[in-house]
C-alpha cells in the first residue's frame, strides 16, 4: 500500500505542469526594461507586487522531493520547509531585482523574482 502511494505521488509530481504555463496577473508580466524605467509611484506599486509574490512563494516553499522525503511522507513525517525570506529586506530584494533587470532587460519581472527567490533559497540552505 505504501509503495503504491509513493508511486502515485511520484507520478503526480513528475506530471505537474511547468510554472511558466501558469497565468500571472499584475506587475510580473512587465518587462525588466519597463521595471527599470518606472516612475517612482509605479515602482512602489511593482515592488509591492514582487514582495507579495515572493511572500506567496515563501509560504509554499519546501525542499526538493527526494527518495528520503517520499519515505518520510509515507510515514507522516513533517515535510522540510525553507524560509528563504529570512534575513532579507525589501531594499535588498529590490536591489537584486534591479541587478537582474539591468542584465536581462527583455525578460519579465516574474523571471527576475523567480531568479532572486532561487538565489535566496540557495543561500538559506
PDB file of N, CA and C in Angstrom:
ATOM      1  N   UNK A   1       0.829  -1.196   0.000  1.00  0.00           N
ATOM      2  CA  UNK A   1       0.000   0.000   0.000  1.00  0.00           C
ATOM      3  C   UNK A   1       0.873   1.261   0.000  1.00  0.00           C
ATOM      4  N   UNK A   2       1.904   1.273   0.850  1.00  0.00           N
ATOM      5  CA  UNK A   2       2.783   2.448   0.908  1.00  0.00           C
ATOM      6  C   UNK A   2       3.526   2.636  -0.416  1.00  0.00           C
ATOM      7  N   UNK A   3       3.971   1.542  -1.010  1.00  0.00           N
ATOM      8  CA  UNK A   3       4.680   1.630  -2.283  1.00  0.00           C
ATOM      9  C   UNK A   3       3.756   2.197  -3.361  1.00  0.00           C
ATOM     10  N   UNK A   4       2.505   1.786  -3.329  1.00  0.00           N
ATOM     11  CA  UNK A   4       1.538   2.283  -4.312  1.00  0.00           C
ATOM     12  C   UNK A   4       1.292   3.779  -4.099  1.00  0.00           C
ATOM     13  N   UNK A   5       1.186   4.201  -2.856  1.00  0.00           N
ATOM     14  CA  UNK A   5       1.005   5.619  -2.528  1.00  0.00           C
ATOM     15  C   UNK A   5       2.196   6.436  -3.012  1.00  0.00           C
ATOM     16  N   UNK A   6       3.382   5.941  -2.779  1.00  0.00           N
ATOM     17  CA  UNK A   6       4.591   6.641  -3.222  1.00  0.00           C
ATOM     18  C   UNK A   6       4.632   6.722  -4.746  1.00  0.00           C
ATOM     19  N   UNK A   7       4.297   5.649  -5.427  1.00  0.00           N
ATOM     20  CA  UNK A   7       4.296   5.634  -6.895  1.00  0.00           C
ATOM     21  C   UNK A   7       3.269   6.633  -7.436  1.00  0.00           C
ATOM     22  N   UNK A   8       2.085   6.692  -6.825  1.00  0.00           N
ATOM     23  CA  UNK A   8       1.065   7.647  -7.269  1.00  0.00           C
ATOM     24  C   UNK A   8       1.534   9.081  -7.033  1.00  0.00           C
ATOM     25  N   UNK A   9       2.157   9.318  -5.900  1.00  0.00           N
ATOM     26  CA  UNK A   9       2.654  10.654  -5.579  1.00  0.00           C
ATOM     27  C   UNK A   9       3.731  11.072  -6.571  1.00  0.00           C
ATOM     28  N   UNK A  10       4.648  10.179  -6.883  1.00  0.00           N
ATOM     29  CA  UNK A  10       5.718  10.488  -7.838  1.00  0.00           C
ATOM     30  C   UNK A  10       5.139  10.782  -9.227  1.00  0.00           C
ATOM     31  N   UNK A  11       4.150  10.021  -9.642  1.00  0.00           N
ATOM     32  CA  UNK A  11       3.524  10.252 -10.942  1.00  0.00           C
ATOM     33  C   UNK A  11       2.873  11.629 -10.977  1.00  0.00           C
ATOM     34  N   UNK A  12       2.243  12.016  -9.887  1.00  0.00           N
ATOM     35  CA  UNK A  12       1.621  13.340  -9.795  1.00  0.00           C
ATOM     36  C   UNK A  12       2.671  14.445  -9.859  1.00  0.00           C
ATOM     37  N   UNK A  13       3.745  14.315  -9.088  1.00  0.00           N
ATOM     38  CA  UNK A  13       4.797  15.323  -9.048  1.00  0.00           C
ATOM     39  C   UNK A  13       5.481  15.457 -10.396  1.00  0.00           C
ATOM     40  N   UNK A  14       5.795  14.347 -11.019  1.00  0.00           N
ATOM     41  CA  UNK A  14       6.507  14.382 -12.288  1.00  0.00           C
ATOM     42  C   UNK A  14       5.638  14.871 -13.445  1.00  0.00           C
ATOM     43  N   UNK A  15       4.324  14.775 -13.309  1.00  0.00           N
ATOM     44  CA  UNK A  15       3.446  15.227 -14.381  1.00  0.00           C
ATOM     45  C   UNK A  15       2.920  16.637 -14.145  1.00  0.00           C
ATOM     46  N   UNK A  16       3.316  17.281 -13.048  1.00  0.00           N
ATOM     47  CA  UNK A  16       2.848  18.638 -12.762  1.00  0.00           C
ATOM     48  C   UNK A  16       3.315  19.583 -13.856  1.00  0.00           C
ATOM     49  N   UNK A  17       2.455  20.538 -14.260  1.00  0.00           N
ATOM     50  CA  UNK A  17       2.839  21.451 -15.324  1.00  0.00           C
ATOM     51  C   UNK A  17       3.957  22.385 -14.883  1.00  0.00           C
ATOM     52  N   UNK A  18       4.742  22.843 -15.842  1.00  0.00           N
ATOM     53  CA  UNK A  18       5.800  23.808 -15.582  1.00  0.00           C
ATOM     54  C   UNK A  18       5.184  25.102 -15.068  1.00  0.00           C
ATOM     55  N   UNK A  19       5.874  25.770 -14.145  1.00  0.00           N
ATOM     56  CA  UNK A  19       5.365  27.001 -13.551  1.00  0.00           C
ATOM     57  C   UNK A  19       5.078  28.057 -14.606  1.00  0.00           C
ATOM     58  N   UNK A  20       5.805  28.068 -15.686  1.00  0.00           N
ATOM     59  CA  UNK A  20       5.625  29.075 -16.724  1.00  0.00           C
ATOM     60  C   UNK A  20       4.322  28.875 -17.493  1.00  0.00           C
ATOM     61  N   UNK A  21       3.670  27.734 -17.351  1.00  0.00           N
ATOM     62  CA  UNK A  21       2.395  27.543 -18.029  1.00  0.00           C
ATOM     63  C   UNK A  21       1.259  28.195 -17.251  1.00  0.00           C
ATOM     64  N   UNK A  22       1.546  28.676 -16.053  1.00  0.00           N
ATOM     65  CA  UNK A  22       0.540  29.362 -15.250  1.00  0.00           C
ATOM     66  C   UNK A  22       0.356  30.792 -15.738  1.00  0.00           C
ATOM     67  N   UNK A  23      -0.809  31.347 -15.475  1.00  0.00           N
ATOM     68  CA  UNK A  23      -1.085  32.732 -15.819  1.00  0.00           C
ATOM     69  C   UNK A  23      -0.716  33.612 -14.635  1.00  0.00           C
ATOM     70  N   UNK A  24      -0.021  34.696 -14.916  1.00  0.00           N
ATOM     71  CA  UNK A  24       0.336  35.674 -13.887  1.00  0.00           C
ATOM     72  C   UNK A  24      -0.364  36.974 -14.202  1.00  0.00           C
ATOM     73  N   UNK A  25      -0.935  37.591 -13.186  1.00  0.00           N
ATOM     74  CA  UNK A  25      -1.633  38.859 -13.349  1.00  0.00           C
ATOM     75  C   UNK A  25      -0.868  39.909 -12.552  1.00  0.00           C
ATOM     76  N   UNK A  26      -0.705  41.071 -13.131  1.00  0.00           N
ATOM     77  CA  UNK A  26      -0.062  42.160 -12.409  1.00  0.00           C
ATOM     78  C   UNK A  26       1.315  42.476 -12.936  1.00  0.00           C
ATOM     79  N   UNK A  27       2.115  43.052 -12.081  1.00  0.00           N
ATOM     80  CA  UNK A  27       3.409  43.601 -12.474  1.00  0.00           C
ATOM     81  C   UNK A  27       4.419  42.559 -12.927  1.00  0.00           C
ATOM     82  N   UNK A  28       4.219  41.321 -12.638  1.00  0.00           N
ATOM     83  CA  UNK A  28       5.143  40.279 -13.071  1.00  0.00           C
ATOM     84  C   UNK A  28       5.231  40.137 -14.580  1.00  0.00           C
ATOM     85  N   UNK A  29       4.208  40.595 -15.269  1.00  0.00           N
ATOM     86  CA  UNK A  29       4.170  40.478 -16.728  1.00  0.00           C
ATOM     87  C   UNK A  29       4.947  41.587 -17.431  1.00  0.00           C
ATOM     88  N   UNK A  30       5.380  42.578 -16.681  1.00  0.00           N
ATOM     89  CA  UNK A  30       6.101  43.731 -17.236  1.00  0.00           C
ATOM     90  C   UNK A  30       7.540  43.326 -17.559  1.00  0.00           C
ATOM     91  N   UNK A  31       8.098  43.911 -18.611  1.00  0.00           N
ATOM     92  CA  UNK A  31       9.488  43.598 -18.944  1.00  0.00           C
ATOM     93  C   UNK A  31      10.431  44.244 -17.928  1.00  0.00           C
ATOM     94  N   UNK A  32      11.606  43.684 -17.820  1.00  0.00           N
ATOM     95  CA  UNK A  32      12.621  44.255 -16.937  1.00  0.00           C
ATOM     96  C   UNK A  32      12.994  45.672 -17.371  1.00  0.00           C
ATOM     97  N   UNK A  33      12.989  45.913 -18.681  1.00  0.00           N
ATOM     98  CA  UNK A  33      13.267  47.259 -19.172  1.00  0.00           C
ATOM     99  C   UNK A  33      12.245  48.254 -18.660  1.00  0.00           C
ATOM    100  N   UNK A  34      10.960  47.855 -18.671  1.00  0.00           N
ATOM    101  CA  UNK A  34       9.905  48.723 -18.132  1.00  0.00           C
ATOM    102  C   UNK A  34      10.061  48.899 -16.622  1.00  0.00           C
ATOM    103  N   UNK A  35      10.465  47.840 -15.938  1.00  0.00           N
ATOM    104  CA  UNK A  35      10.720  47.919 -14.492  1.00  0.00           C
ATOM    105  C   UNK A  35      11.752  49.005 -14.193  1.00  0.00           C
ATOM    106  N   UNK A  36      12.839  48.990 -14.941  1.00  0.00           N
ATOM    107  CA  UNK A  36      13.915  49.953 -14.696  1.00  0.00           C
ATOM    108  C   UNK A  36      13.505  51.382 -15.046  1.00  0.00           C
ATOM    109  N   UNK A  37      12.603  51.545 -16.011  1.00  0.00           N
ATOM    110  CA  UNK A  37      12.175  52.872 -16.443  1.00  0.00           C
ATOM    111  C   UNK A  37      10.943  53.376 -15.692  1.00  0.00           C
ATOM    112  N   UNK A  38      10.468  52.646 -14.709  1.00  0.00           N
ATOM    113  CA  UNK A  38       9.240  53.005 -13.992  1.00  0.00           C
ATOM    114  C   UNK A  38       9.365  54.328 -13.255  1.00  0.00           C
ATOM    115  N   UNK A  39       8.248  55.056 -13.218  1.00  0.00           N
ATOM    116  CA  UNK A  39       8.179  56.247 -12.375  1.00  0.00           C
ATOM    117  C   UNK A  39       8.232  55.803 -10.917  1.00  0.00           C
ATOM    118  N   UNK A  40       8.493  56.722 -10.012  1.00  0.00           N
ATOM    119  CA  UNK A  40       8.605  56.376  -8.590  1.00  0.00           C
ATOM    120  C   UNK A  40       7.315  55.746  -8.061  1.00  0.00           C
ATOM    121  N   UNK A  41       6.163  56.309  -8.421  1.00  0.00           N
ATOM    122  CA  UNK A  41       4.900  55.753  -7.917  1.00  0.00           C
ATOM    123  C   UNK A  41       4.630  54.366  -8.503  1.00  0.00           C
ATOM    124  N   UNK A  42       4.936  54.180  -9.788  1.00  0.00           N
ATOM    125  CA  UNK A  42       4.739  52.858 -10.402  1.00  0.00           C
ATOM    126  C   UNK A  42       5.729  51.855  -9.826  1.00  0.00           C
ATOM    127  N   UNK A  43       6.930  52.308  -9.542  1.00  0.00           N
ATOM    128  CA  UNK A  43       7.956  51.426  -8.975  1.00  0.00           C
ATOM    129  C   UNK A  43       7.517  50.891  -7.612  1.00  0.00           C
ATOM    130  N   UNK A  44       6.939  51.746  -6.791  1.00  0.00           N
ATOM    131  CA  UNK A  44       6.441  51.307  -5.474  1.00  0.00           C
ATOM    132  C   UNK A  44       5.360  50.246  -5.661  1.00  0.00           C
ATOM    133  N   UNK A  45       4.456  50.476  -6.594  1.00  0.00           N
ATOM    134  CA  UNK A  45       3.394  49.507  -6.891  1.00  0.00           C
ATOM    135  C   UNK A  45       3.998  48.164  -7.317  1.00  0.00           C
ATOM    136  N   UNK A  46       4.987  48.224  -8.203  1.00  0.00           N
ATOM    137  CA  UNK A  46       5.600  46.995  -8.704  1.00  0.00           C
ATOM    138  C   UNK A  46       6.433  46.300  -7.637  1.00  0.00           C
ATOM    139  N   UNK A  47       7.085  47.066  -6.779  1.00  0.00           N
ATOM    140  CA  UNK A  47       7.826  46.463  -5.655  1.00  0.00           C
ATOM    141  C   UNK A  47       6.868  45.725  -4.728  1.00  0.00           C
ATOM    142  N   UNK A  48       5.713  46.329  -4.467  1.00  0.00           N
ATOM    143  CA  UNK A  48       4.726  45.665  -3.611  1.00  0.00           C
ATOM    144  C   UNK A  48       4.251  44.363  -4.236  1.00  0.00           C
ATOM    145  N   UNK A  49       4.075  44.351  -5.547  1.00  0.00           N
ATOM    146  CA  UNK A  49       3.677  43.117  -6.216  1.00  0.00           C
ATOM    147  C   UNK A  49       4.743  42.043  -6.013  1.00  0.00           C
ATOM    148  N   UNK A  50       6.013  42.423  -6.204  1.00  0.00           N
ATOM    149  CA  UNK A  50       7.112  41.459  -6.051  1.00  0.00           C
ATOM    150  C   UNK A  50       7.162  40.923  -4.630  1.00  0.00           C
ATOM    151  N   UNK A  51       7.027  41.802  -3.627  1.00  0.00           N
ATOM    152  CA  UNK A  51       7.090  41.344  -2.233  1.00  0.00           C
ATOM    153  C   UNK A  51       5.945  40.382  -1.931  1.00  0.00           C
ATOM    154  N   UNK A  52       4.765  40.657  -2.480  1.00  0.00           N
ATOM    155  CA  UNK A  52       3.642  39.733  -2.304  1.00  0.00           C
ATOM    156  C   UNK A  52       3.871  38.408  -3.004  1.00  0.00           C
ATOM    157  N   UNK A  53       4.403  38.479  -4.211  1.00  0.00           N
ATOM    158  CA  UNK A  53       4.690  37.253  -4.966  1.00  0.00           C
ATOM    159  C   UNK A  53       5.711  36.398  -4.223  1.00  0.00           C
ATOM    160  N   UNK A  54       6.807  37.027  -3.772  1.00  0.00           N
ATOM    161  CA  UNK A  54       7.841  36.276  -3.052  1.00  0.00           C
ATOM    162  C   UNK A  54       7.319  35.736  -1.725  1.00  0.00           C
ATOM    163  N   UNK A  55       6.470  36.500  -1.054  1.00  0.00           N
ATOM    164  CA  UNK A  55       5.880  36.010   0.205  1.00  0.00           C
ATOM    165  C   UNK A  55       5.005  34.788  -0.048  1.00  0.00           C
ATOM    166  N   UNK A  56       4.270  34.811  -1.158  1.00  0.00           N
ATOM    167  CA  UNK A  56       3.460  33.646  -1.520  1.00  0.00           C
ATOM    168  C   UNK A  56       4.325  32.431  -1.825  1.00  0.00           C
ATOM    169  N   UNK A  57       5.406  32.650  -2.573  1.00  0.00           N
ATOM    170  CA  UNK A  57       6.335  31.540  -2.832  1.00  0.00           C
ATOM    171  C   UNK A  57       6.920  31.014  -1.533  1.00  0.00           C
ATOM    172  N   UNK A  58       7.281  31.925  -0.644  1.00  0.00           N
ATOM    173  CA  UNK A  58       7.901  31.540   0.618  1.00  0.00           C
ATOM    174  C   UNK A  58       6.950  30.720   1.484  1.00  0.00           C
ATOM    175  N   UNK A  59       5.664  31.061   1.451  1.00  0.00           N
ATOM    176  CA  UNK A  59       4.709  30.320   2.279  1.00  0.00           C
ATOM    177  C   UNK A  59       4.500  28.904   1.771  1.00  0.00           C
ATOM    178  N   UNK A  60       4.866  28.651   0.529  1.00  0.00           N
ATOM    179  CA  UNK A  60       4.741  27.324  -0.072  1.00  0.00           C
ATOM    180  C   UNK A  60       6.086  26.663  -0.306  1.00  0.00           C
ATOM    181  N   UNK A  61       7.152  27.250   0.221  1.00  0.00           N
ATOM    182  CA  UNK A  61       8.500  26.788  -0.086  1.00  0.00           C
ATOM    183  C   UNK A  61       8.847  25.523   0.686  1.00  0.00           C
ATOM    184  N   UNK A  62       9.425  24.577  -0.034  1.00  0.00           N
ATOM    185  CA  UNK A  62       9.868  23.339   0.602  1.00  0.00           C
ATOM    186  C   UNK A  62      11.093  22.808  -0.131  1.00  0.00           C
ATOM    187  N   UNK A  63      11.737  21.868   0.502  1.00  0.00           N
ATOM    188  CA  UNK A  63      12.906  21.223  -0.096  1.00  0.00           C
ATOM    189  C   UNK A  63      12.471  20.434  -1.331  1.00  0.00           C
ATOM    190  N   UNK A  64      13.376  20.229  -2.284  1.00  0.00           N
ATOM    191  CA  UNK A  64      13.043  19.374  -3.431  1.00  0.00           C
ATOM    192  C   UNK A  64      12.683  17.958  -2.974  1.00  0.00           C
ATOM    193  N   UNK A  65      11.813  17.316  -3.709  1.00  0.00           N
ATOM    194  CA  UNK A  65      11.377  15.963  -3.354  1.00  0.00           C
ATOM    195  C   UNK A  65      12.498  14.977  -3.653  1.00  0.00           C
ATOM    196  N   UNK A  66      12.872  14.226  -2.643  1.00  0.00           N
ATOM    197  CA  UNK A  66      13.887  13.183  -2.790  1.00  0.00           C
ATOM    198  C   UNK A  66      13.271  11.866  -2.353  1.00  0.00           C
ATOM    199  N   UNK A  67      14.001  10.802  -2.571  1.00  0.00           N
ATOM    200  CA  UNK A  67      13.509   9.480  -2.142  1.00  0.00           C
ATOM    201  C   UNK A  67      13.306   9.459  -0.629  1.00  0.00           C
ATOM    202  N   UNK A  68      14.222  10.110   0.108  1.00  0.00           N
ATOM    203  CA  UNK A  68      14.090  10.151   1.571  1.00  0.00           C
ATOM    204  C   UNK A  68      12.812  10.886   1.976  1.00  0.00           C
ATOM    205  N   UNK A  69      12.499  11.984   1.247  1.00  0.00           N
ATOM    206  CA  UNK A  69      11.279  12.736   1.551  1.00  0.00           C
ATOM    207  C   UNK A  69      10.040  11.884   1.309  1.00  0.00           C
ATOM    208  N   UNK A  70      10.045  11.102   0.222  1.00  0.00           N
ATOM    209  CA  UNK A  70       8.890  10.262  -0.084  1.00  0.00           C
ATOM    210  C   UNK A  70       8.672   9.220   1.000  1.00  0.00           C
ATOM    211  N   UNK A  71       9.751   8.629   1.453  1.00  0.00           N
ATOM    212  CA  UNK A  71       9.635   7.641   2.538  1.00  0.00           C
ATOM    213  C   UNK A  71       9.089   8.330   3.786  1.00  0.00           C
ATOM    214  N   UNK A  72       9.621   9.518   4.068  1.00  0.00           N
ATOM    215  CA  UNK A  72       9.182  10.266   5.234  1.00  0.00           C
ATOM    216  C   UNK A  72       7.700  10.638   5.111  1.00  0.00           C
ATOM    217  N   UNK A  73       7.270  11.097   3.934  1.00  0.00           N
ATOM    218  CA  UNK A  73       5.873  11.449   3.727  1.00  0.00           C
ATOM    219  C   UNK A  73       4.966  10.248   3.923  1.00  0.00           C
ATOM    220  N   UNK A  74       5.405   9.091   3.450  1.00  0.00           N
ATOM    221  CA  UNK A  74       4.609   7.875   3.617  1.00  0.00           C
ATOM    222  C   UNK A  74       4.460   7.514   5.089  1.00  0.00           C
ATOM    223  N   UNK A  75       5.408   7.985   5.913  1.00  0.00           N
ATOM    224  CA  UNK A  75       5.369   7.705   7.348  1.00  0.00           C
ATOM    225  C   UNK A  75       4.820   8.894   8.137  1.00  0.00           C
ATOM    226  N   UNK A  76       4.208   9.865   7.429  1.00  0.00           N
ATOM    227  CA  UNK A  76       3.599  11.050   8.038  1.00  0.00           C
ATOM    228  C   UNK A  76       4.585  11.934   8.793  1.00  0.00           C
ATOM    229  N   UNK A  77       5.821  12.005   8.338  1.00  0.00           N
ATOM    230  CA  UNK A  77       6.796  12.916   8.925  1.00  0.00           C
ATOM    231  C   UNK A  77       6.502  14.332   8.424  1.00  0.00           C
ATOM    232  N   UNK A  78       6.911  15.346   9.168  1.00  0.00           N
ATOM    233  CA  UNK A  78       6.728  16.710   8.653  1.00  0.00           C
ATOM    234  C   UNK A  78       7.625  16.944   7.438  1.00  0.00           C
ATOM    235  N   UNK A  79       7.126  17.673   6.480  1.00  0.00           N
ATOM    236  CA  UNK A  79       7.874  17.953   5.255  1.00  0.00           C
ATOM    237  C   UNK A  79       8.795  19.144   5.508  1.00  0.00           C
ATOM    238  N   UNK A  80      10.079  19.048   5.156  1.00  0.00           N
ATOM    239  CA  UNK A  80      11.015  20.142   5.441  1.00  0.00           C
ATOM    240  C   UNK A  80      10.711  21.387   4.606  1.00  0.00           C
ATOM    241  N   UNK A  81      10.686  22.538   5.251  1.00  0.00           N
ATOM    242  CA  UNK A  81      10.427  23.787   4.550  1.00  0.00           C
ATOM    243  C   UNK A  81      11.632  24.715   4.646  1.00  0.00           C
ATOM    244  N   UNK A  82      11.668  25.704   3.762  1.00  0.00           N
ATOM    245  CA  UNK A  82      12.732  26.691   3.734  1.00  0.00           C
ATOM    246  C   UNK A  82      12.085  28.064   3.859  1.00  0.00           C
ATOM    247  N   UNK A  83      12.510  28.866   4.835  1.00  0.00           N
ATOM    248  CA  UNK A  83      12.050  30.249   4.930  1.00  0.00           C
ATOM    249  C   UNK A  83      13.089  31.104   4.221  1.00  0.00           C
ATOM    250  N   UNK A  84      12.977  31.191   2.885  1.00  0.00           N
ATOM    251  CA  UNK A  84      14.038  31.851   2.129  1.00  0.00           C
ATOM    252  C   UNK A  84      14.025  33.368   2.258  1.00  0.00           C
ATOM    253  N   UNK A  85      12.967  33.942   2.817  1.00  0.00           N
ATOM    254  CA  UNK A  85      12.946  35.389   3.010  1.00  0.00           C
ATOM    255  C   UNK A  85      13.597  35.813   4.328  1.00  0.00           C
ATOM    256  N   UNK A  86      13.859  34.846   5.187  1.00  0.00           N
ATOM    257  CA  UNK A  86      14.513  35.177   6.457  1.00  0.00           C
ATOM    258  C   UNK A  86      15.845  35.852   6.167  1.00  0.00           C
ATOM    259  N   UNK A  87      16.142  36.868   6.913  1.00  0.00           N
ATOM    260  CA  UNK A  87      17.417  37.595   6.794  1.00  0.00           C
ATOM    261  C   UNK A  87      17.496  38.488   5.555  1.00  0.00           C
ATOM    262  N   UNK A  88      16.411  38.675   4.810  1.00  0.00           N
ATOM    263  CA  UNK A  88      16.427  39.543   3.633  1.00  0.00           C
ATOM    264  C   UNK A  88      15.476  40.705   3.847  1.00  0.00           C
ATOM    265  N   UNK A  89      15.790  41.840   3.244  1.00  0.00           N
ATOM    266  CA  UNK A  89      14.948  43.033   3.356  1.00  0.00           C
ATOM    267  C   UNK A  89      14.359  43.371   1.991  1.00  0.00           C
ATOM    268  N   UNK A  90      13.316  44.189   2.017  1.00  0.00           N
ATOM    269  CA  UNK A  90      12.707  44.638   0.765  1.00  0.00           C
ATOM    270  C   UNK A  90      13.719  45.422  -0.069  1.00  0.00           C
ATOM    271  N   UNK A  91      14.538  46.235   0.574  1.00  0.00           N
ATOM    272  CA  UNK A  91      15.539  47.009  -0.165  1.00  0.00           C
ATOM    273  C   UNK A  91      16.571  46.095  -0.831  1.00  0.00           C
ATOM    274  N   UNK A  92      17.002  45.070  -0.122  1.00  0.00           N
ATOM    275  CA  UNK A  92      17.958  44.124  -0.691  1.00  0.00           C
ATOM    276  C   UNK A  92      17.366  43.346  -1.851  1.00  0.00           C
ATOM    277  N   UNK A  93      16.114  42.945  -1.699  1.00  0.00           N
ATOM    278  CA  UNK A  93      15.433  42.206  -2.765  1.00  0.00           C
ATOM    279  C   UNK A  93      15.274  43.108  -3.985  1.00  0.00           C
ATOM    280  N   UNK A  94      14.883  44.360  -3.764  1.00  0.00           N
ATOM    281  CA  UNK A  94      14.718  45.304  -4.873  1.00  0.00           C
ATOM    282  C   UNK A  94      16.048  45.519  -5.597  1.00  0.00           C
ATOM    283  N   UNK A  95      17.134  45.624  -4.856  1.00  0.00           N
ATOM    284  CA  UNK A  95      18.461  45.786  -5.477  1.00  0.00           C
ATOM    285  C   UNK A  95      18.791  44.563  -6.334  1.00  0.00           C
ATOM    286  N   UNK A  96      18.450  43.369  -5.862  1.00  0.00           N
ATOM    287  CA  UNK A  96      18.717  42.149  -6.633  1.00  0.00           C
ATOM    288  C   UNK A  96      17.849  42.103  -7.895  1.00  0.00           C
ATOM    289  N   UNK A  97      16.597  42.549  -7.796  1.00  0.00           N
ATOM    290  CA  UNK A  97      15.713  42.615  -8.969  1.00  0.00           C
ATOM    291  C   UNK A  97      16.287  43.618  -9.976  1.00  0.00           C
ATOM    292  N   UNK A  98      16.729  44.782  -9.477  1.00  0.00           N
ATOM    293  CA  UNK A  98      17.344  45.792 -10.355  1.00  0.00           C
ATOM    294  C   UNK A  98      18.538  45.213 -11.105  1.00  0.00           C
ATOM    295  N   UNK A  99      19.394  44.496 -10.389  1.00  0.00           N
ATOM    296  CA  UNK A  99      20.597  43.907 -10.998  1.00  0.00           C
ATOM    297  C   UNK A  99      20.197  42.919 -12.096  1.00  0.00           C
ATOM    298  N   UNK A 100      19.265  42.028 -11.783  1.00  0.00           N
ATOM    299  CA  UNK A 100      18.805  41.050 -12.770  1.00  0.00           C
ATOM    300  C   UNK A 100      18.251  41.777 -13.996  1.00  0.00           C
ATOM    301  N   UNK A 101      17.445  42.806 -13.769  1.00  0.00           N
ATOM    302  CA  UNK A 101      16.793  43.501 -14.878  1.00  0.00           C
ATOM    303  C   UNK A 101      17.787  44.292 -15.733  1.00  0.00           C
ATOM    304  N   UNK A 102      18.823  44.843 -15.106  1.00  0.00           N
ATOM    305  CA  UNK A 102      19.854  45.520 -15.898  1.00  0.00           C
ATOM    306  C   UNK A 102      20.562  44.520 -16.817  1.00  0.00           C
ATOM    307  N   UNK A 103      20.756  43.310 -16.323  1.00  0.00           N
ATOM    308  CA  UNK A 103      21.440  42.273 -17.100  1.00  0.00           C
ATOM    309  C   UNK A 103      20.519  41.576 -18.101  1.00  0.00           C
ATOM    310  N   UNK A 104      19.201  41.665 -17.895  1.00  0.00           N
ATOM    311  CA  UNK A 104      18.221  40.956 -18.731  1.00  0.00           C
ATOM    312  C   UNK A 104      17.017  41.843 -19.035  1.00  0.00           C
ATOM    313  N   UNK A 105      17.198  42.964 -19.728  1.00  0.00           N
ATOM    314  CA  UNK A 105      16.108  43.923 -19.910  1.00  0.00           C
ATOM    315  C   UNK A 105      14.902  43.400 -20.695  1.00  0.00           C
ATOM    316  N   UNK A 106      15.069  42.350 -21.474  1.00  0.00           N
ATOM    317  CA  UNK A 106      13.952  41.816 -22.247  1.00  0.00           C
ATOM    318  C   UNK A 106      13.167  40.740 -21.508  1.00  0.00           C
ATOM    319  N   UNK A 107      13.700  40.261 -20.403  1.00  0.00           N
ATOM    320  CA  UNK A 107      12.983  39.267 -19.596  1.00  0.00           C
ATOM    321  C   UNK A 107      11.835  39.958 -18.848  1.00  0.00           C
ATOM    322  N   UNK A 108      10.993  39.159 -18.215  1.00  0.00           N
ATOM    323  CA  UNK A 108       9.864  39.674 -17.436  1.00  0.00           C
ATOM    324  C   UNK A 108      10.255  39.826 -15.966  1.00  0.00           C
ATOM    325  N   UNK A 109       9.539  40.671 -15.269  1.00  0.00           N
ATOM    326  CA  UNK A 109       9.783  40.868 -13.838  1.00  0.00           C
ATOM    327  C   UNK A 109       9.572  39.566 -13.075  1.00  0.00           C
ATOM    328  N   UNK A 110       8.621  38.736 -13.513  1.00  0.00           N
ATOM    329  CA  UNK A 110       8.408  37.439 -12.863  1.00  0.00           C
ATOM    330  C   UNK A 110       9.656  36.579 -12.959  1.00  0.00           C
ATOM    331  N   UNK A 111      10.389  36.673 -14.068  1.00  0.00           N
ATOM    332  CA  UNK A 111      11.637  35.921 -14.202  1.00  0.00           C
ATOM    333  C   UNK A 111      12.674  36.427 -13.202  1.00  0.00           C
ATOM    334  N   UNK A 112      12.719  37.743 -13.040  1.00  0.00           N
ATOM    335  CA  UNK A 112      13.643  38.327 -12.062  1.00  0.00           C
ATOM    336  C   UNK A 112      13.294  37.866 -10.655  1.00  0.00           C
ATOM    337  N   UNK A 113      12.007  37.889 -10.324  1.00  0.00           N
ATOM    338  CA  UNK A 113      11.571  37.471  -8.984  1.00  0.00           C
ATOM    339  C   UNK A 113      11.892  35.995  -8.746  1.00  0.00           C
ATOM    340  N   UNK A 114      11.657  35.154  -9.742  1.00  0.00           N
ATOM    341  CA  UNK A 114      11.967  33.728  -9.600  1.00  0.00           C
ATOM    342  C   UNK A 114      13.473  33.502  -9.442  1.00  0.00           C
ATOM    343  N   UNK A 115      14.275  34.255 -10.200  1.00  0.00           N
ATOM    344  CA  UNK A 115      15.724  34.123 -10.091  1.00  0.00           C
ATOM    345  C   UNK A 115      16.203  34.530  -8.699  1.00  0.00           C
ATOM    346  N   UNK A 116      15.709  35.646  -8.206  1.00  0.00           N
ATOM    347  CA  UNK A 116      16.101  36.123  -6.875  1.00  0.00           C
ATOM    348  C   UNK A 116      15.640  35.131  -5.804  1.00  0.00           C
ATOM    349  N   UNK A 117      14.443  34.588  -5.945  1.00  0.00           N
ATOM    350  CA  UNK A 117      13.962  33.580  -4.993  1.00  0.00           C
ATOM    351  C   UNK A 117      14.889  32.367  -4.993  1.00  0.00           C
ATOM    352  N   UNK A 118      15.309  31.930  -6.171  1.00  0.00           N
ATOM    353  CA  UNK A 118      16.232  30.791  -6.258  1.00  0.00           C
ATOM    354  C   UNK A 118      17.553  31.089  -5.572  1.00  0.00           C
ATOM    355  N   UNK A 119      18.060  32.298  -5.756  1.00  0.00           N
ATOM    356  CA  UNK A 119      19.307  32.686  -5.084  1.00  0.00           C
ATOM    357  C   UNK A 119      19.140  32.667  -3.568  1.00  0.00           C
ATOM    358  N   UNK A 120      18.031  33.201  -3.083  1.00  0.00           N
ATOM    359  CA  UNK A 120      17.793  33.241  -1.638  1.00  0.00           C
ATOM    360  C   UNK A 120      17.627  31.828  -1.071  1.00  0.00           C
ATOM    361  N   UNK A 121      16.969  30.954  -1.816  1.00  0.00           N
ATOM    362  CA  UNK A 121      16.811  29.572  -1.359  1.00  0.00           C
ATOM    363  C   UNK A 121      18.162  28.895  -1.213  1.00  0.00           C
ATOM    364  N   UNK A 122      19.051  29.125  -2.171  1.00  0.00           N
ATOM    365  CA  UNK A 122      20.391  28.518  -2.099  1.00  0.00           C
ATOM    366  C   UNK A 122      21.173  29.082  -0.916  1.00  0.00           C
ATOM    367  N   UNK A 123      21.002  30.357  -0.618  1.00  0.00           N
ATOM    368  CA  UNK A 123      21.727  30.984   0.499  1.00  0.00           C
ATOM    369  C   UNK A 123      21.223  30.486   1.856  1.00  0.00           C
ATOM    370  N   UNK A 124      19.952  30.170   1.965  1.00  0.00           N
ATOM    371  CA  UNK A 124      19.358  29.795   3.245  1.00  0.00           C
ATOM    372  C   UNK A 124      19.340  28.309   3.517  1.00  0.00           C
ATOM    373  N   UNK A 125      20.032  27.518   2.705  1.00  0.00           N
ATOM    374  CA  UNK A 125      20.073  26.060   2.952  1.00  0.00           C
ATOM    375  C   UNK A 125      21.008  25.751   4.073  1.00  0.00           C
TER     376      UNK A 125
END
